[in-house]
Amino acid sequence: MRLQRMSLMVRVLALCVASASISALADPRQGQQAPATPAAGSSVVACRILEVHVNKDPGVVLVIFHQRDKKDQPRFAALLKQSTGGAIQIRPTGAQWQSAQVVRLKSCFGRGLLILPAGTTTLKERADLLVKFPAPSNSP
């Protein structure tokens, strides 16, 4: 199990190095307030951080997370699948909205991985955060 996690981390770090968009993540909407409780039909999901890994070279923060409330699981799964590899917005408790990349972890049912530039925020395991996914696309 530990070897699988290390292998996953190596693959994720390779993804981060290859992704030039990490440094381009910037949220023009920083400072906007998040809803206290996301509406059922919205693209905002209350989530919980499971693990946080900080790497100095390349400078990235990797966060494994899932939905906070069991009732949000189907909506979270659909939004995560639709958004994997793309940009989303996160809002840790007591902080402002900021950009991150999200990846759906296929080998870890119901889990997502946030990729952030190092030093952008302080995230702690077991902390809550709001995740704002892009609006669902209605294309066929």
Protein backbone atom coordinates (compact mmCIF):
# COMPACT_ATOMS: atom_id res chain seq x y z
CA MET A 1 0.00 0.00 0.00
CA ARG A 2 2.79 2.40 0.91
CA LEU A 3 4.61 1.56 -2.33
CA GLN A 4 1.43 2.27 -4.30
CA ARG A 5 1.13 5.70 -2.67
CA MET A 6 4.76 6.51 -3.43
CA SER A 7 4.26 5.41 -7.03
CA LEU A 8 1.17 7.60 -7.26
CA MET A 9 3.08 10.55 -5.82
CA VAL A 10 5.88 10.10 -8.38
CA ARG A 11 3.34 10.05 -11.23
CA VAL A 12 1.57 13.13 -9.85
CA LEU A 13 4.84 15.02 -9.47
CA ALA A 14 5.72 14.16 -13.06
CA LEU A 15 2.33 15.55 -14.08
CA CYS A 16 3.05 18.73 -12.14
CA VAL A 17 6.43 19.23 -13.76
CA ALA A 18 4.95 18.71 -17.21
CA SER A 19 2.11 21.11 -16.55
CA ALA A 20 3.07 24.67 -17.39
CA SER A 21 -0.30 25.93 -16.21
CA ILE A 22 0.58 25.59 -12.52
CA SER A 23 2.41 28.91 -12.46
CA ALA A 24 -0.39 30.55 -14.44
CA LEU A 25 -3.05 29.82 -11.85
CA ALA A 26 -4.46 33.12 -10.71
CA ASP A 27 -7.95 33.91 -9.56
CA PRO A 28 -9.31 37.27 -10.63
CA ARG A 29 -12.23 36.72 -8.25
CA GLN A 30 -10.17 36.40 -5.07
CA GLY A 31 -11.87 37.86 -2.05
CA GLN A 32 -15.40 36.86 -3.00
CA GLN A 33 -17.34 35.24 -0.23
CA ALA A 34 -18.39 31.61 -0.47
CA PRO A 35 -21.84 30.39 0.50
CA ALA A 36 -21.99 29.05 4.05
CA THR A 37 -23.76 25.92 2.84
CA PRO A 38 -23.55 25.16 -0.88
CA ALA A 39 -26.89 24.71 -2.62
CA ALA A 40 -27.65 21.19 -3.83
CA GLY A 41 -27.67 22.21 -7.51
CA SER A 42 -24.60 24.44 -7.37
CA SER A 43 -21.09 23.61 -8.48
CA VAL A 44 -19.71 24.31 -4.98
CA VAL A 45 -19.08 21.28 -2.79
CA ALA A 46 -18.01 21.25 0.86
CA CYS A 47 -14.96 18.98 1.05
CA ARG A 48 -12.52 17.58 3.60
CA ILE A 49 -8.77 17.35 3.23
CA LEU A 50 -7.39 13.85 3.78
CA GLU A 51 -3.67 14.32 3.07
CA VAL A 52 -1.35 17.24 2.31
CA HIS A 53 2.07 16.77 0.70
CA VAL A 54 4.48 19.65 0.09
CA ASN A 55 7.35 19.29 -2.36
CA LYS A 56 10.14 21.88 -2.63
CA ASP A 57 11.48 20.98 -6.08
CA PRO A 58 9.32 21.41 -8.04
CA GLY A 59 7.46 23.67 -5.64
CA VAL A 60 4.00 22.13 -5.41
CA VAL A 61 1.41 21.27 -2.80
CA LEU A 62 -0.57 18.08 -3.39
CA VAL A 63 -3.84 17.63 -1.51
CA ILE A 64 -5.95 14.47 -1.47
CA PHE A 65 -9.56 15.31 -0.64
CA HIS A 66 -13.16 14.10 -0.86
CA GLN A 67 -16.65 15.42 -0.20
CA ARG A 68 -17.36 16.34 3.41
CA ASP A 69 -20.99 15.22 3.45
CA LYS A 70 -22.06 11.78 2.23
CA LYS A 71 -25.18 13.23 0.58
CA ASP A 72 -22.95 15.22 -1.80
CA GLN A 73 -21.09 12.11 -3.07
CA PRO A 74 -22.98 11.63 -6.39
CA ARG A 75 -22.74 15.33 -7.28
CA PHE A 76 -19.09 15.48 -6.20
CA ALA A 77 -18.22 12.40 -8.28
CA ALA A 78 -19.85 13.87 -11.40
CA LEU A 79 -18.22 17.28 -11.00
CA LEU A 80 -14.82 15.74 -10.28
CA LYS A 81 -15.01 13.46 -13.31
CA GLN A 82 -16.05 16.36 -15.55
CA SER A 83 -13.30 18.66 -14.24
CA THR A 84 -10.31 16.31 -13.99
CA GLY A 85 -7.17 17.90 -15.37
CA GLY A 86 -8.70 21.36 -15.28
CA ALA A 87 -8.74 24.46 -13.13
CA ILE A 88 -11.10 24.88 -10.18
CA GLN A 89 -11.43 27.29 -7.25
CA ILE A 90 -10.89 26.36 -3.60
CA ARG A 91 -11.61 28.25 -0.41
CA PRO A 92 -10.05 26.92 2.77
CA THR A 93 -11.82 27.88 5.98
CA GLY A 94 -11.01 31.50 6.82
CA ALA A 95 -9.21 32.18 3.52
CA GLN A 96 -10.03 33.62 0.11
CA TRP A 97 -10.88 31.83 -3.12
CA GLN A 98 -7.84 30.68 -5.06
CA SER A 99 -7.13 28.60 -8.15
CA ALA A 100 -5.94 25.00 -8.20
CA GLN A 101 -5.79 22.13 -10.65
CA VAL A 102 -7.81 19.05 -9.90
CA VAL A 103 -7.27 15.42 -10.86
CA ARG A 104 -9.65 12.56 -10.21
CA LEU A 105 -7.80 9.65 -8.59
CA LYS A 106 -9.12 6.64 -10.48
CA SER A 107 -7.37 4.20 -8.15
CA CYS A 108 -8.84 5.83 -5.01
CA PHE A 109 -12.65 5.73 -5.26
CA GLY A 110 -14.27 9.09 -4.50
CA ARG A 111 -11.01 10.99 -4.08
CA GLY A 112 -9.59 14.00 -5.84
CA LEU A 113 -6.15 15.50 -5.96
CA LEU A 114 -5.54 19.24 -5.82
CA ILE A 115 -2.34 20.61 -7.32
CA LEU A 116 -1.27 24.05 -6.12
CA PRO A 117 1.89 26.12 -6.42
CA ALA A 118 3.93 25.91 -3.21
CA GLY A 119 3.36 28.74 -0.75
CA THR A 120 -0.10 29.71 -2.00
CA THR A 121 -1.93 28.67 1.14
CA THR A 122 -1.58 26.66 4.31
CA LEU A 123 -3.74 23.55 4.18
CA LYS A 124 -4.05 21.03 6.99
CA GLU A 125 -5.23 17.44 7.07
CA ARG A 126 -8.83 16.98 8.24
CA ALA A 127 -9.62 20.64 7.50
CA ASP A 128 -12.68 21.63 5.50
CA LEU A 129 -12.64 23.62 2.29
CA LEU A 130 -15.11 24.66 -0.36
CA VAL A 131 -14.41 23.53 -3.91
CA LYS A 132 -16.00 25.42 -6.79
CA PHE A 133 -16.09 23.39 -9.99
CA PRO A 134 -16.74 24.94 -13.41
CA ALA A 135 -20.41 24.94 -14.41
CA PRO A 136 -21.39 21.58 -15.94
CA SER A 137 -21.17 21.56 -19.73
CA ASN A 138 -24.35 20.64 -21.57
CA SER A 139 -22.65 19.62 -24.80
CA PRO A 140 -23.68 16.23 -26.25
